[in-house]
N, C-alpha and C. Protein backbone atom coordinates (compact mmCIF):
# COMPACT_ATOMS: atom_id res chain seq x y z
N MET A 1 -22.55 -2.57 -19.86
CA MET A 1 -21.47 -2.76 -18.88
C MET A 1 -20.64 -1.80 -19.66
N ALA A 2 -19.74 -0.85 -18.46
CA ALA A 2 -18.31 -0.09 -18.44
C ALA A 2 -17.46 -1.16 -18.02
N LYS A 3 -16.28 -1.61 -18.28
CA LYS A 3 -15.33 -2.19 -18.67
C LYS A 3 -14.64 -1.11 -17.63
N TYR A 4 -13.71 -1.22 -16.34
CA TYR A 4 -12.94 -1.11 -15.86
C TYR A 4 -10.88 -1.36 -16.58
N ASP A 5 -11.07 -2.48 -16.37
CA ASP A 5 -10.16 -3.41 -16.91
C ASP A 5 -10.18 -4.34 -17.47
N ASP A 6 -9.50 -5.52 -18.03
CA ASP A 6 -9.56 -6.68 -18.69
C ASP A 6 -8.14 -7.18 -18.44
N SER A 7 -7.76 -8.78 -17.76
CA SER A 7 -6.42 -8.79 -18.10
C SER A 7 -6.13 -8.78 -19.64
N SER A 8 -7.14 -9.69 -20.29
CA SER A 8 -6.25 -9.48 -22.15
C SER A 8 -6.18 -8.56 -22.48
N TRP A 9 -5.98 -7.48 -22.16
CA TRP A 9 -6.28 -5.79 -22.59
C TRP A 9 -4.48 -6.09 -22.42
N HIS A 10 -4.12 -6.10 -21.24
CA HIS A 10 -2.68 -6.45 -20.62
C HIS A 10 -1.60 -7.77 -21.16
N TYR A 11 -1.98 -8.76 -21.25
CA TYR A 11 -1.35 -9.77 -22.10
C TYR A 11 -1.19 -9.91 -23.28
N GLY A 12 -2.42 -8.82 -23.87
CA GLY A 12 -2.88 -9.41 -25.03
C GLY A 12 -2.03 -8.25 -25.93
N GLY A 13 -1.56 -7.17 -25.15
CA GLY A 13 -0.48 -5.66 -25.83
C GLY A 13 1.04 -6.29 -25.55
N ASP A 14 1.71 -5.14 -25.22
CA ASP A 14 2.88 -5.08 -24.59
C ASP A 14 3.07 -5.87 -23.67
N TYR A 15 3.46 -7.05 -23.70
CA TYR A 15 3.61 -7.85 -22.64
C TYR A 15 4.75 -9.17 -22.43
N PRO A 16 5.54 -8.39 -21.15
CA PRO A 16 6.70 -9.55 -21.01
C PRO A 16 6.41 -11.20 -21.68
N ASP A 17 7.30 -11.41 -22.81
CA ASP A 17 6.87 -12.92 -23.00
C ASP A 17 7.35 -13.94 -21.89
N ASP A 18 8.16 -13.80 -20.56
CA ASP A 18 8.64 -14.49 -20.34
C ASP A 18 7.41 -14.86 -19.03
N LEU A 19 6.46 -14.33 -19.15
CA LEU A 19 5.66 -14.29 -18.02
C LEU A 19 4.22 -14.87 -18.64
N PRO A 20 3.43 -15.75 -17.39
CA PRO A 20 2.52 -16.10 -17.76
C PRO A 20 1.59 -15.56 -17.55
N ASP A 21 0.23 -15.75 -18.45
CA ASP A 21 -1.13 -14.56 -18.58
C ASP A 21 -1.72 -14.44 -17.48
N VAL A 22 -1.71 -15.25 -16.69
CA VAL A 22 -2.04 -14.82 -15.14
C VAL A 22 -0.91 -13.39 -14.50
N ASN A 23 -0.15 -13.07 -14.54
CA ASN A 23 0.83 -12.07 -14.17
C ASN A 23 -0.28 -10.41 -14.45
N ALA A 24 -0.83 -10.70 -15.68
CA ALA A 24 -1.72 -9.89 -16.06
C ALA A 24 -3.18 -9.58 -15.16
N SER A 25 -3.48 -10.25 -14.17
CA SER A 25 -4.44 -10.14 -13.51
C SER A 25 -3.96 -9.92 -11.95
N THR A 26 -2.50 -9.28 -11.87
CA THR A 26 -2.31 -9.44 -10.35
C THR A 26 -2.69 -7.69 -10.18
N HIS A 27 -2.65 -7.09 -10.59
CA HIS A 27 -2.82 -5.26 -10.23
C HIS A 27 -4.12 -5.07 -10.04
N ILE A 28 -5.10 -5.86 -11.06
CA ILE A 28 -6.45 -5.59 -10.95
C ILE A 28 -7.29 -6.39 -9.75
N GLY A 29 -6.13 -7.52 -9.43
CA GLY A 29 -7.01 -8.30 -7.96
C GLY A 29 -6.75 -7.95 -6.68
N MET A 30 -5.42 -7.03 -7.29
CA MET A 30 -5.15 -6.50 -5.85
C MET A 30 -6.38 -5.19 -5.01
N PHE A 31 -6.59 -4.31 -6.23
CA PHE A 31 -7.16 -3.39 -6.24
C PHE A 31 -9.24 -3.96 -5.61
N LEU A 32 -9.54 -5.28 -6.52
CA LEU A 32 -10.58 -5.91 -6.25
C LEU A 32 -10.77 -6.59 -5.07
N THR A 33 -9.42 -7.00 -4.37
CA THR A 33 -9.10 -7.29 -3.18
C THR A 33 -9.81 -6.64 -2.12
N TRP A 34 -9.03 -5.02 -2.39
CA TRP A 34 -9.87 -4.10 -1.46
C TRP A 34 -11.14 -3.69 -1.82
N CYS A 35 -11.43 -3.74 -2.54
CA CYS A 35 -13.22 -3.65 -2.91
C CYS A 35 -13.96 -4.65 -1.67
N ILE A 36 -13.14 -6.02 -2.09
CA ILE A 36 -14.07 -6.96 -1.40
C ILE A 36 -13.91 -6.68 0.18
N ASP A 37 -12.94 -6.25 0.41
CA ASP A 37 -12.59 -5.92 2.00
C ASP A 37 -13.30 -4.80 2.54
N LYS A 38 -13.38 -4.03 1.58
CA LYS A 38 -14.23 -2.89 2.21
C LYS A 38 -16.12 -2.70 1.96
N ASP A 39 -16.73 -4.31 1.69
CA ASP A 39 -17.39 -4.29 1.19
C ASP A 39 -18.36 -3.24 0.20
N LEU A 40 -17.21 -3.09 -0.81
CA LEU A 40 -17.69 -2.54 -1.98
C LEU A 40 -18.37 -3.41 -3.95
N LEU A 41 -18.37 -4.77 -3.39
CA LEU A 41 -19.13 -5.05 -4.20
C LEU A 41 -20.64 -5.18 -4.29
N SER A 42 -21.07 -5.40 -5.54
CA SER A 42 -22.29 -4.98 -5.82
C SER A 42 -22.88 -6.76 -5.39
N GLU A 43 -24.65 -6.29 -5.19
CA GLU A 43 -25.54 -7.03 -4.87
C GLU A 43 -25.19 -8.61 -5.43
N GLU A 44 -25.23 -8.19 -6.87
CA GLU A 44 -25.16 -9.21 -7.92
C GLU A 44 -24.02 -10.12 -7.43
N GLN A 45 -22.82 -9.71 -7.71
CA GLN A 45 -21.49 -9.89 -7.49
C GLN A 45 -21.44 -10.81 -6.04
N LEU A 46 -22.08 -10.48 -5.13
CA LEU A 46 -22.60 -10.85 -3.95
C LEU A 46 -23.14 -12.34 -3.67
N GLU A 47 -24.42 -12.51 -4.95
CA GLU A 47 -24.95 -13.56 -4.68
C GLU A 47 -24.51 -14.61 -5.78
N ASP A 48 -23.91 -13.75 -6.64
CA ASP A 48 -23.35 -15.01 -7.78
C ASP A 48 -21.70 -15.67 -7.34
N SER A 49 -21.34 -14.81 -6.30
CA SER A 49 -19.59 -15.22 -5.86
C SER A 49 -19.22 -15.72 -4.18
N GLU A 50 -20.25 -15.75 -3.78
CA GLU A 50 -20.08 -15.88 -2.48
C GLU A 50 -19.23 -16.86 -1.84
N GLU A 51 -18.88 -17.56 -2.33
CA GLU A 51 -17.90 -18.93 -1.93
C GLU A 51 -16.29 -18.34 -2.29
N GLY A 52 -16.34 -17.03 -3.74
CA GLY A 52 -14.89 -16.73 -4.06
C GLY A 52 -14.95 -15.50 -2.94
N ILE A 53 -16.16 -15.15 -2.68
CA ILE A 53 -15.64 -13.82 -1.46
C ILE A 53 -15.28 -14.06 -0.49
N ASN A 54 -15.82 -15.35 0.02
CA ASN A 54 -15.30 -15.84 1.37
C ASN A 54 -14.02 -16.30 1.28
N ALA A 55 -13.33 -16.79 0.15
CA ALA A 55 -12.16 -17.29 0.16
C ALA A 55 -11.25 -16.16 0.21
N ILE A 56 -11.70 -15.30 -0.45
CA ILE A 56 -10.71 -13.62 0.13
C ILE A 56 -10.61 -13.43 0.76
N LYS A 57 -11.56 -13.14 1.62
CA LYS A 57 -11.76 -12.89 2.81
C LYS A 57 -11.22 -13.83 3.89
N ASN A 58 -10.91 -14.72 4.03
CA ASN A 58 -10.41 -15.77 4.83
C ASN A 58 -8.66 -15.72 4.27
N ARG A 59 -8.30 -15.41 2.97
CA ARG A 59 -6.99 -14.99 2.97
C ARG A 59 -6.95 -17.13 1.62
N GLU A 60 -7.74 -17.09 1.22
CA GLU A 60 -7.50 -18.60 0.13
C GLU A 60 -7.49 -18.44 -0.77
N LEU A 61 -7.96 -17.23 -1.05
CA LEU A 61 -7.69 -17.43 -2.71
C LEU A 61 -7.48 -15.41 -2.69
N THR A 62 -6.36 -15.27 -4.17
CA THR A 62 -5.84 -14.12 -4.20
C THR A 62 -6.98 -13.20 -4.82
N GLY A 63 -6.80 -11.82 -4.96
CA GLY A 63 -7.92 -11.13 -5.95
C GLY A 63 -7.44 -11.92 -7.27
N ALA A 64 -6.34 -12.06 -7.72
CA ALA A 64 -6.24 -12.42 -9.22
C ALA A 64 -6.77 -13.39 -9.15
N GLU A 65 -7.05 -14.36 -8.97
CA GLU A 65 -7.36 -15.84 -8.92
C GLU A 65 -9.05 -15.36 -9.17
N PHE A 66 -9.72 -14.35 -7.83
CA PHE A 66 -10.80 -14.22 -7.64
C PHE A 66 -11.14 -13.38 -9.65
N LEU A 67 -10.27 -12.43 -10.01
CA LEU A 67 -10.69 -12.08 -10.92
C LEU A 67 -10.82 -13.28 -12.38
N ILE A 68 -9.74 -13.83 -12.34
CA ILE A 68 -10.17 -15.01 -13.59
C ILE A 68 -10.92 -15.81 -12.71
N ASP A 69 -11.34 -16.72 -11.90
CA ASP A 69 -12.62 -17.65 -11.97
C ASP A 69 -13.93 -17.39 -11.49
N TYR A 70 -13.83 -15.43 -11.27
CA TYR A 70 -15.40 -15.67 -10.85
C TYR A 70 -15.67 -14.00 -12.09
N CYS A 71 -14.98 -13.73 -12.37
CA CYS A 71 -14.70 -12.73 -13.29
C CYS A 71 -14.59 -12.72 -14.61
N ASP A 72 -14.11 -13.95 -15.00
CA ASP A 72 -13.84 -14.32 -17.06
C ASP A 72 -12.81 -12.80 -16.82
N GLU A 73 -11.40 -12.63 -16.60
CA GLU A 73 -10.46 -11.52 -16.34
C GLU A 73 -11.33 -10.21 -16.56
N LYS A 74 -12.17 -9.87 -16.26
CA LYS A 74 -12.90 -8.56 -16.40
C LYS A 74 -13.36 -7.74 -15.48
N PHE A 75 -12.76 -6.64 -15.02
CA PHE A 75 -13.17 -5.83 -13.90
C PHE A 75 -14.15 -4.94 -14.25
N SER A 76 -15.49 -4.58 -13.98
CA SER A 76 -16.32 -3.84 -14.77
C SER A 76 -17.00 -3.03 -13.48
N ASN A 77 -18.09 -1.93 -14.03
CA ASN A 77 -18.79 -2.11 -13.17
C ASN A 77 -20.34 -2.52 -12.82
N TYR A 78 -20.47 -3.59 -13.00
CA TYR A 78 -21.01 -4.87 -12.28
C TYR A 78 -20.61 -5.54 -11.48
N ASP A 79 -19.33 -5.41 -11.09
CA ASP A 79 -18.63 -5.95 -9.46
C ASP A 79 -18.98 -4.86 -8.50
N LEU A 80 -19.34 -4.16 -8.90
CA LEU A 80 -19.22 -2.99 -7.55
C LEU A 80 -20.57 -2.12 -7.42
N ASN A 81 -21.24 -1.65 -5.86
CA ASN A 81 -21.55 -1.14 -5.77
C ASN A 81 -21.76 0.54 -5.74
N ASP A 82 -22.90 1.34 -5.90
CA ASP A 82 -22.51 2.40 -6.09
C ASP A 82 -21.35 2.98 -6.12
N LEU A 83 -21.06 2.87 -4.90
CA LEU A 83 -20.06 3.88 -3.64
C LEU A 83 -18.67 2.91 -4.51
N GLY A 84 -18.20 2.20 -4.57
CA GLY A 84 -17.46 1.61 -5.29
C GLY A 84 -17.54 1.72 -6.69
N ASN A 85 -18.06 2.48 -7.86
CA ASN A 85 -18.12 2.28 -9.10
C ASN A 85 -17.62 3.78 -8.92
N GLU A 86 -18.21 4.83 -7.90
CA GLU A 86 -17.56 6.29 -7.86
C GLU A 86 -15.97 5.82 -7.38
N PHE A 87 -15.86 5.58 -6.61
CA PHE A 87 -14.32 5.42 -6.12
C PHE A 87 -13.85 5.02 -7.50
N ALA A 88 -13.59 3.97 -8.03
CA ALA A 88 -12.74 3.08 -9.40
C ALA A 88 -13.01 3.63 -10.32
N GLU A 89 -14.07 4.43 -10.57
CA GLU A 89 -14.28 5.56 -11.70
C GLU A 89 -13.15 6.41 -11.54
N ALA A 90 -12.72 7.28 -10.30
CA ALA A 90 -12.02 8.55 -10.02
C ALA A 90 -10.67 7.76 -9.47
N TYR A 91 -10.67 6.74 -9.63
CA TYR A 91 -9.36 6.27 -9.27
C TYR A 91 -8.35 5.03 -9.94
N TYR A 92 -9.19 4.57 -10.09
CA TYR A 92 -8.65 3.17 -10.36
C TYR A 92 -8.73 3.63 -12.65
N TYR A 93 -10.14 3.68 -12.92
CA TYR A 93 -10.11 3.97 -14.28
C TYR A 93 -10.15 4.91 -14.85
N ASP A 94 -9.68 6.03 -14.35
CA ASP A 94 -9.91 7.73 -15.57
C ASP A 94 -8.76 8.55 -14.80
N ASP A 95 -7.46 8.11 -15.66
CA ASP A 95 -6.33 8.43 -14.74
C ASP A 95 -6.43 10.04 -14.57
N GLU A 96 -7.24 10.73 -15.73
CA GLU A 96 -7.45 11.85 -16.25
C GLU A 96 -8.42 12.52 -15.32
N SER A 97 -9.28 12.01 -14.09
CA SER A 97 -10.02 12.72 -13.45
C SER A 97 -10.11 13.83 -12.61
N ASP A 98 -10.15 14.77 -12.68
CA ASP A 98 -10.13 15.75 -11.69
C ASP A 98 -9.71 14.73 -10.48
N PHE A 99 -9.58 14.25 -9.52
CA PHE A 99 -9.39 13.75 -8.21
C PHE A 99 -7.74 13.00 -8.79
N ALA A 100 -7.63 12.00 -9.57
CA ALA A 100 -6.57 11.42 -10.18
C ALA A 100 -5.14 12.80 -10.10
N LYS A 101 -5.95 13.63 -11.24
CA LYS A 101 -4.54 14.40 -11.56
C LYS A 101 -4.54 15.38 -10.19
N GLU A 102 -5.13 15.41 -9.11
CA GLU A 102 -5.11 16.34 -8.11
C GLU A 102 -3.90 14.86 -7.18
N PHE A 103 -4.33 13.88 -6.67
CA PHE A 103 -3.98 12.77 -5.80
C PHE A 103 -3.18 11.55 -6.45
N GLY A 104 -3.81 11.30 -7.55
CA GLY A 104 -2.94 10.32 -8.49
C GLY A 104 -3.48 9.03 -8.63
N ALA A 105 -3.74 8.42 -9.86
CA ALA A 105 -4.27 7.31 -10.26
C ALA A 105 -3.66 6.03 -9.23
N TYR A 106 -4.62 4.93 -9.69
CA TYR A 106 -4.27 3.40 -9.12
C TYR A 106 -2.62 3.04 -9.31
N CYS A 107 -2.88 2.94 -11.06
CA CYS A 107 -1.67 2.37 -11.67
C CYS A 107 -0.25 3.16 -11.65
N ASP A 108 -0.16 4.70 -11.47
CA ASP A 108 0.94 4.80 -10.68
C ASP A 108 1.18 4.45 -9.33
N ASP A 109 0.32 4.47 -8.60
CA ASP A 109 0.49 4.24 -7.27
C ASP A 109 1.29 3.30 -7.27
N TYR A 110 0.38 2.16 -7.82
CA TYR A 110 1.21 0.50 -7.69
C TYR A 110 2.30 0.17 -8.16
N GLY A 111 2.01 0.72 -9.47
CA GLY A 111 3.68 1.06 -9.75
C GLY A 111 4.62 1.89 -8.95
N GLU A 112 4.67 2.99 -8.57
CA GLU A 112 5.69 3.71 -7.67
C GLU A 112 6.00 2.63 -6.59
N HIS A 113 4.89 1.87 -5.74
CA HIS A 113 4.55 1.68 -4.42
C HIS A 113 5.50 0.55 -4.74
N PHE A 114 5.52 -0.13 -5.93
CA PHE A 114 6.24 -1.25 -5.67
C PHE A 114 7.54 -1.59 -6.05
N ASP A 115 7.83 0.09 -6.84
CA ASP A 115 9.35 0.32 -7.38
C ASP A 115 10.04 0.67 -6.42
N LYS A 116 9.48 1.16 -5.25
CA LYS A 116 10.18 1.71 -4.12
C LYS A 116 10.50 0.71 -2.88
N GLU A 117 9.63 -0.88 -3.20
CA GLU A 117 9.17 -1.56 -2.28
C GLU A 117 10.65 -2.43 -2.99
N ALA A 118 10.60 -2.74 -3.93
CA ALA A 118 12.03 -3.69 -4.90
C ALA A 118 13.37 -2.78 -4.39
N GLU A 119 13.53 -1.30 -4.36
CA GLU A 119 14.60 -0.78 -4.66
C GLU A 119 14.98 -1.17 -2.73
N LYS A 120 13.95 -1.05 -1.92
CA LYS A 120 14.35 -1.29 -0.76
C LYS A 120 14.69 -2.69 -0.38
N LYS A 121 14.64 -3.59 -1.17
CA LYS A 121 15.23 -5.00 -0.98
C LYS A 121 16.44 -5.19 -2.03
N GLY A 122 16.69 -4.62 -2.59
CA GLY A 122 17.71 -4.18 -3.41
C GLY A 122 17.64 -4.79 -4.73
N PHE A 123 16.43 -4.52 -5.52
CA PHE A 123 16.43 -5.20 -6.77
C PHE A 123 15.53 -4.31 -7.76
N GLU A 124 15.27 -4.80 -8.97
CA GLU A 124 14.43 -3.69 -9.19
C GLU A 124 13.58 -4.96 -10.63
N TYR A 125 12.44 -4.08 -10.47
CA TYR A 125 11.17 -5.26 -11.19
C TYR A 125 11.25 -4.95 -12.53
N GLU A 126 11.45 -6.03 -13.58
CA GLU A 126 11.50 -5.91 -15.27
C GLU A 126 10.46 -5.02 -15.59
N SER A 127 9.21 -5.24 -14.97
CA SER A 127 7.79 -4.06 -15.69
C SER A 127 7.21 -4.74 -14.35
N PHE A 128 5.43 -3.72 -15.12
CA PHE A 128 4.78 -3.66 -14.02
C PHE A 128 4.02 -4.87 -13.39
N TYR A 129 4.53 -5.71 -14.43
CA TYR A 129 3.43 -7.36 -14.64
C TYR A 129 4.73 -8.03 -13.71
N HIS A 130 5.72 -7.37 -13.54
CA HIS A 130 6.64 -8.81 -12.58
C HIS A 130 6.03 -8.92 -10.77
N VAL A 131 5.66 -7.71 -10.87
CA VAL A 131 4.68 -8.20 -9.50
C VAL A 131 4.15 -9.24 -8.43
N GLU A 132 4.74 -9.84 -8.01
CA GLU A 132 4.07 -11.44 -7.35
C GLU A 132 2.77 -11.07 -6.81
N ASN A 133 1.92 -12.11 -6.97
CA ASN A 133 0.88 -11.97 -6.59
C ASN A 133 1.16 -12.41 -5.35
N THR A 134 0.89 -11.74 -4.29
CA THR A 134 1.46 -12.56 -2.75
C THR A 134 0.10 -11.49 -2.01
N TRP A 135 0.06 -12.35 -0.92
CA TRP A 135 -0.57 -11.63 0.13
C TRP A 135 -0.15 -10.11 0.68
N GLU A 136 1.66 -10.46 1.11
CA GLU A 136 2.46 -9.28 1.35
C GLU A 136 2.55 -8.26 0.64
N ASN A 137 2.42 -8.66 -0.54
CA ASN A 137 2.22 -7.10 -1.60
C ASN A 137 0.65 -7.21 -1.50
N TYR A 138 -0.30 -7.33 -1.55
CA TYR A 138 -0.99 -6.61 -0.94
C TYR A 138 -1.46 -5.74 0.03
N ASN A 139 -0.76 -6.86 1.23
CA ASN A 139 -0.90 -5.43 2.50
C ASN A 139 -0.12 -4.45 2.85
N SER A 140 0.90 -4.22 1.38
CA SER A 140 1.83 -3.17 1.59
C SER A 140 0.98 -2.28 0.78
N LEU A 141 -0.05 -2.70 -0.51
CA LEU A 141 -0.29 -1.65 -1.13
C LEU A 141 -1.64 -1.12 -0.24
N LYS A 142 -2.19 -2.15 0.20
CA LYS A 142 -3.16 -1.86 0.93
C LYS A 142 -3.78 -0.27 1.80
N PRO A 143 -2.56 -0.16 2.41
CA PRO A 143 -2.74 1.56 3.03
C PRO A 143 -2.70 2.46 2.45
N ILE A 144 -2.02 2.39 1.01
CA ILE A 144 -2.12 3.31 -0.12
C ILE A 144 -3.47 3.32 -0.76
N ILE A 145 -4.13 2.46 -1.09
CA ILE A 145 -5.59 2.68 -0.99
C ILE A 145 -6.91 2.96 -0.62
N ASP A 146 -5.89 2.81 0.98
CA ASP A 146 -7.06 2.85 1.86
C ASP A 146 -6.89 4.87 1.85
N ARG A 147 -5.54 5.32 2.11
CA ARG A 147 -5.26 6.68 1.73
C ARG A 147 -5.93 7.64 1.09
N ARG A 148 -5.99 6.90 -0.09
CA ARG A 148 -6.85 7.37 -1.23
C ARG A 148 -8.04 7.87 -1.34
N PHE A 149 -8.50 6.66 -0.70
CA PHE A 149 -10.11 6.28 -0.15
C PHE A 149 -10.38 7.37 0.08
N ASN A 150 -9.68 7.96 1.20
CA ASN A 150 -9.79 9.06 2.29
C ASN A 150 -9.70 10.12 1.64
N GLU A 151 -9.10 10.39 0.66
CA GLU A 151 -8.84 11.38 -0.31
C GLU A 151 -9.91 11.66 -0.82
N TRP A 152 -10.40 10.84 -1.65
CA TRP A 152 -11.42 11.21 -2.53
C TRP A 152 -12.64 11.32 -1.64
N SER A 153 -12.62 10.49 -0.47
CA SER A 153 -13.79 10.85 0.20
C SER A 153 -13.88 12.54 0.23
N GLU A 154 -12.79 12.64 0.97
CA GLU A 154 -12.61 14.49 1.13
C GLU A 154 -13.21 15.13 -0.14
N PHE A 155 -11.97 15.14 -1.03
CA PHE A 155 -11.95 15.13 -2.30
C PHE A 155 -13.75 15.61 -2.58
N LYS A 156 -14.98 14.34 -2.98
CA LYS A 156 -15.92 14.42 -2.71
C LYS A 156 -17.07 14.99 -1.82
N LYS A 157 -16.69 15.31 -1.16
CA LYS A 157 -17.86 16.48 0.20
C LYS A 157 -17.05 17.72 -0.21
N ASN A 158 -15.99 18.57 -1.21
CA ASN A 158 -15.80 19.89 -0.95
C ASN A 158 -15.73 20.17 -2.64
N LYS A 159 -16.81 19.31 -3.39
CA LYS A 159 -16.53 19.58 -4.70
C LYS A 159 -17.89 19.86 -5.16
């Protein structure tokens, strides 16, 4: 199993003392929610987590909650189908991939997006981990991931 991310990598490292561990799952959960919305989950994950997937699709559970409750805080190639894994490898996991170097990497996009959103509202996030785990925030980030997926699809065709 190739692990793309793990909440414990974040709250186990240079993590703000004033935040609960759950905040380390927000950025991972938003990407995972996008994958669920785009039907990029593996057959195994679809079978093992049907209830949670339906709860995300109905907006009754956030991606961070799904990551914690259904994935043991870990996001790996087990969770995605082949297309999802190809995209996650190029955009989410490997910020030195040819695609990420040319177009951008997920964590950079995430941080830049929420910094701009905070600035528009007249404040600044103390850290990457202070972004609230809300559907409003996911909905504001979703078009960026959509655009990156479209760019990646073209990039892959032309490679």
